[in-house]
Protein backbone atom coordinates (compact mmCIF):
# COMPACT_ATOMS: atom_id res chain seq x y z
CA UNK A 1 -5.15 22.73 -19.25
CA UNK A 2 -1.17 23.28 -20.99
CA UNK A 3 0.20 26.21 -19.57
CA UNK A 4 3.49 27.80 -21.07
CA UNK A 5 5.33 29.92 -19.06
CA UNK A 6 7.72 32.71 -20.39
CA UNK A 7 9.60 29.76 -22.48
CA UNK A 8 12.87 30.66 -24.21
CA UNK A 9 14.82 28.55 -26.83
CA UNK A 10 18.22 29.16 -28.63
CA UNK A 11 20.71 27.09 -30.99
CA UNK A 12 23.79 27.82 -31.68
CA UNK A 13 26.38 29.25 -29.15
CA UNK A 14 28.47 32.30 -28.94
CA UNK A 15 28.25 34.85 -31.77
CA UNK A 16 26.20 31.99 -33.98
CA UNK A 17 23.42 32.34 -31.26
CA UNK A 18 20.08 32.44 -32.45
CA UNK A 19 17.12 33.20 -30.07
CA UNK A 20 14.24 31.20 -31.73
CA UNK A 21 11.79 31.86 -28.91
CA UNK A 22 11.68 35.19 -26.71
CA UNK A 23 9.83 34.27 -23.84
CA UNK A 24 6.46 32.69 -24.98
CA UNK A 25 3.81 32.41 -22.59
CA UNK A 26 0.23 31.13 -23.40
CA UNK A 27 -2.66 28.94 -21.89
CA UNK A 28 -4.65 26.30 -23.79
CA UNK A 29 -7.67 24.81 -22.10
CA UNK A 30 -8.56 21.27 -22.26
CA UNK A 31 -10.18 20.01 -25.29
CA UNK A 32 -9.87 23.53 -27.41
CA UNK A 33 -8.73 23.56 -31.15
CA UNK A 34 -5.35 25.82 -31.44
CA UNK A 35 -3.95 27.00 -34.40
CA UNK A 36 -0.58 28.25 -34.68
CA UNK A 37 0.19 30.73 -37.35
CA UNK A 38 3.21 32.24 -38.71
CA UNK A 39 5.40 32.59 -41.17
CA UNK A 40 8.39 30.28 -42.12
CA UNK A 41 11.35 31.12 -38.78
CA UNK A 42 8.37 32.74 -36.52
CA UNK A 43 9.24 29.72 -34.27
CA UNK A 44 5.82 28.16 -34.33
CA UNK A 45 7.51 24.57 -34.64
CA UNK A 46 9.47 24.89 -32.33
CA UNK A 47 6.88 25.81 -29.69
CA UNK A 48 5.29 22.85 -30.99
CA UNK A 49 8.14 20.78 -30.31
CA UNK A 50 8.48 22.18 -26.34
CA UNK A 51 4.75 22.17 -25.84
CA UNK A 52 4.65 18.45 -26.89
CA UNK A 53 7.87 17.70 -25.02
CA UNK A 54 10.09 16.74 -28.06
CA UNK A 55 12.32 19.50 -27.21
CA UNK A 56 13.46 21.10 -23.97
CA UNK A 57 13.68 24.78 -23.79
CA UNK A 58 16.39 26.94 -22.28
CA UNK A 59 14.07 28.79 -19.81
CA UNK A 60 10.69 28.29 -18.70
CA UNK A 61 8.24 26.10 -18.03
CA UNK A 62 5.64 23.77 -19.78
CA UNK A 63 2.44 22.45 -17.40
CA UNK A 64 0.07 19.91 -17.91
CA UNK A 65 -2.50 20.30 -15.13
CA UNK A 66 0.05 20.32 -12.49
CA UNK A 67 3.41 18.42 -14.35
CA UNK A 68 5.99 20.43 -15.24
CA UNK A 69 7.10 18.38 -18.28
CA UNK A 70 10.74 20.29 -18.30
CA UNK A 71 11.76 18.78 -15.11
CA UNK A 72 11.35 15.68 -16.31
CA UNK A 73 14.22 13.25 -16.84
CA UNK A 74 14.53 12.09 -20.38
CA UNK A 75 12.93 8.90 -19.94
CA UNK A 76 10.08 10.35 -17.58
CA UNK A 77 9.12 12.66 -20.69
CA UNK A 78 9.41 9.79 -23.44
CA UNK A 79 6.83 8.04 -20.86
CA UNK A 80 4.58 11.30 -20.97
CA UNK A 81 4.61 11.38 -24.44
CA UNK A 82 3.77 7.73 -25.14
CA UNK A 83 0.88 7.73 -22.58
CA UNK A 84 -0.59 11.39 -23.47
CA UNK A 85 0.60 12.72 -26.69
CA UNK A 86 -0.45 12.04 -30.57
CA UNK A 87 1.47 13.83 -33.19
CA UNK A 88 0.93 14.26 -36.93
CA UNK A 89 3.50 15.47 -39.21
CA UNK A 90 3.72 16.96 -43.16
CA UNK A 91 5.88 13.95 -43.67
CA UNK A 92 3.51 10.79 -43.10
CA UNK A 93 6.31 8.72 -41.02
CA UNK A 94 4.86 5.10 -42.16
CA UNK A 95 6.70 2.09 -42.13
CA UNK A 96 6.78 0.91 -45.55
CA UNK A 97 6.94 -2.80 -44.96
CA UNK A 98 4.08 -2.61 -42.71
CA UNK A 99 0.31 -3.07 -43.99
CA UNK A 100 -2.06 0.19 -42.90
CA UNK A 101 -3.42 -2.14 -40.06
CA UNK A 102 0.02 -2.58 -38.33
CA UNK A 103 1.10 0.97 -38.61
CA UNK A 104 -2.01 1.68 -36.94
CA UNK A 105 -1.80 -1.17 -34.17
CA UNK A 106 1.64 0.22 -33.49
CA UNK A 107 0.08 3.25 -32.11
CA UNK A 108 -2.81 1.46 -30.46
CA UNK A 109 -0.20 -1.01 -28.69
CA UNK A 110 1.17 2.04 -26.76
CA UNK A 111 -2.02 2.37 -24.76
CA UNK A 112 -2.95 -1.40 -25.23
CA UNK A 113 -5.81 -0.57 -27.12
CA UNK A 114 -7.20 -3.48 -28.79
CA UNK A 115 -9.91 -1.45 -30.74
CA UNK A 116 -8.07 0.55 -33.31
CA UNK A 117 -9.95 -0.72 -36.37
CA UNK A 118 -12.30 1.20 -35.21
CA UNK A 119 -10.04 4.10 -35.72
CA UNK A 120 -9.13 3.39 -39.26
CA UNK A 121 -12.93 2.63 -40.07
CA UNK A 122 -13.35 6.17 -38.58
CA UNK A 123 -10.98 7.93 -41.09
CA UNK A 124 -12.19 6.13 -44.03
CA UNK A 125 -9.85 3.03 -44.52
CA UNK A 126 -11.46 0.19 -43.24
CA UNK A 127 -11.23 -1.62 -46.53
CA UNK A 128 -7.90 -0.76 -47.00
CA UNK A 129 -6.05 -2.20 -43.88
CA UNK A 130 -4.30 -4.75 -45.40
CA UNK A 131 -2.65 -2.29 -48.08
CA UNK A 132 0.79 -0.94 -47.60
CA UNK A 133 1.78 2.64 -47.72
CA UNK A 134 2.81 2.51 -51.35
CA UNK A 135 -0.30 1.26 -52.45
CA UNK A 136 -2.22 4.07 -51.11
CA UNK A 137 -2.62 8.12 -51.96
CA UNK A 138 -1.23 10.69 -50.27
CA UNK A 139 -4.15 11.88 -48.48
CA UNK A 140 -4.69 7.98 -47.82
CA UNK A 141 -1.33 7.98 -46.16
CA UNK A 142 -1.69 10.98 -44.02
CA UNK A 143 -5.04 9.54 -42.83
CA UNK A 144 -3.35 6.18 -41.77
CA UNK A 145 -0.79 9.02 -39.84
CA UNK A 146 -3.90 10.46 -38.26
CA UNK A 147 -5.39 7.09 -37.74
CA UNK A 148 -2.15 6.02 -35.87
CA UNK A 149 -1.74 8.89 -33.51
CA UNK A 150 -5.42 8.67 -32.54
CA UNK A 151 -4.91 4.91 -31.96
CA UNK A 152 -2.76 5.69 -28.44
CA UNK A 153 -5.75 7.43 -27.23
CA UNK A 154 -3.77 10.89 -26.88
CA UNK A 155 -4.86 14.00 -24.32
CA UNK A 156 -3.57 15.94 -27.08
CA UNK A 157 -2.72 15.79 -30.68
CA UNK A 158 0.02 18.18 -31.66
CA UNK A 159 0.03 18.57 -35.56
CA UNK A 160 2.88 20.32 -37.80
CA UNK A 161 1.55 21.41 -41.04
CA UNK A 162 -0.71 18.15 -41.37
CA UNK A 163 -1.93 19.36 -45.07
CA UNK A 164 1.29 20.92 -46.35
CA UNK A 165 2.42 17.85 -48.86
CA UNK A 166 -1.86 17.47 -49.67
CA UNK A 167 -4.07 18.87 -52.68
CA UNK A 168 -6.60 21.19 -51.78
CA UNK A 169 -9.34 18.49 -51.95
CA UNK A 170 -7.12 15.93 -50.06
CA UNK A 171 -6.38 18.48 -47.31
CA UNK A 172 -9.47 19.33 -46.84
CA UNK A 173 -10.92 15.65 -46.44
CA UNK A 174 -8.03 15.23 -43.82
CA UNK A 175 -8.89 18.29 -41.75
CA UNK A 176 -12.49 17.21 -41.79
CA UNK A 177 -11.39 13.81 -40.43
CA UNK A 178 -9.83 15.43 -37.74
CA UNK A 179 -12.36 17.56 -36.78
CA UNK A 180 -15.14 15.17 -36.73
CA UNK A 181 -12.44 12.89 -34.51
CA UNK A 182 -12.11 16.24 -32.00
CA UNK A 183 -15.56 16.28 -31.80
CA UNK A 184 -16.30 12.85 -30.75
CA UNK A 185 -13.16 12.26 -28.62
CA UNK A 186 -12.83 15.61 -27.14
CA UNK A 187 -8.89 15.33 -27.15
CA UNK A 188 -7.05 18.89 -27.44
CA UNK A 189 -5.46 20.19 -30.75
CA UNK A 190 -2.72 22.57 -31.26
CA UNK A 191 -2.02 22.55 -34.97
CA UNK A 192 1.08 24.56 -36.67
CA UNK A 193 0.26 26.16 -40.19
CA UNK A 194 0.96 28.80 -42.27
CA UNK A 195 -2.13 28.62 -43.61
CA UNK A 196 -4.00 31.35 -42.37
CA UNK A 197 -7.58 30.05 -43.80
CA UNK A 198 -7.28 26.81 -41.59
CA UNK A 199 -7.27 29.28 -38.48
CA UNK A 200 -11.38 29.75 -39.17
CA UNK A 201 -11.38 26.29 -37.97
CA UNK A 202 -9.94 27.00 -34.66
CA UNK A 203 -11.66 28.21 -31.38
CA UNK A 204 -8.35 30.02 -30.40
CA UNK A 205 -5.38 31.42 -32.89
CA UNK A 206 -1.98 32.42 -31.87
CA UNK A 207 0.01 34.66 -34.08
CA UNK A 208 3.64 34.39 -34.04
CA UNK A 209 6.10 36.78 -35.39
CA UNK A 210 10.37 36.65 -34.71
CA UNK A 211 10.35 34.19 -31.81
CA UNK A 212 7.08 36.28 -29.93
CA UNK A 213 3.66 35.94 -30.02
CA UNK A 214 1.96 38.95 -31.81
CA UNK A 215 -1.65 38.14 -31.07
CA UNK A 216 -4.03 35.41 -29.35
CA UNK A 217 -7.76 35.80 -30.55
CA UNK A 218 -10.79 33.44 -30.41
CA UNK A 219 -13.32 32.36 -32.78
CA UNK A 220 -17.11 33.22 -31.89
CA UNK A 221 -18.26 31.08 -34.92
CA UNK A 222 -15.65 28.55 -36.67
CA UNK A 223 -15.71 27.32 -39.93
CA UNK A 224 -15.33 23.57 -41.16
CA UNK A 225 -13.32 22.10 -43.68
CA UNK A 226 -15.28 22.80 -46.54
CA UNK A 227 -16.22 26.21 -45.78
CA UNK A 228 -12.53 27.88 -45.53
CA UNK A 229 -10.52 29.22 -48.41
CA UNK A 230 -7.60 27.28 -49.33
């Protein structure tokens, strides 16, 4: 269970101070697939960063079960992320001088996971372990980032516009892999996107507007990556 309580976040100071999050509260149950929707500037990525421990709020709390990560020191929060959190971003952030296998092994090493090659097989890249990122397509690189994030066996996977740089066919493929792995491993997903169609894949959808939550709803029936519009 992740519980966000009355979280506020601002940037700047004085007259230039801008309130990005205006008292956000929500709950995410273990194993949920949650999509956060909103236009650019709505605060969705800032909320994701605070929920994942990448940033600290000005006010409020973020609880993982009984642990309030906003009260942890920087080193404690870093360890918490290492032990519990996986990240996938729009940009792949792969190390260009390392092979696919070594990029994924980096994530696996954080969890002392020696079975990381299984994750590469799961995302369809078992035959490309010895390739370098420059030898892969954009979709393949994003699948490497998926494998790297999941090789550390996170409790929660945070995704920020994971298909934003991909074409439709590749984007569907990446989402399909993520959902299959979600069902197999049971981790929690929190995904930020501006693509309203992707929200049809999630169990819970959070809409944001101007730093506030405007709506939270659940989908009684969810679609797969090949059933949604694009």
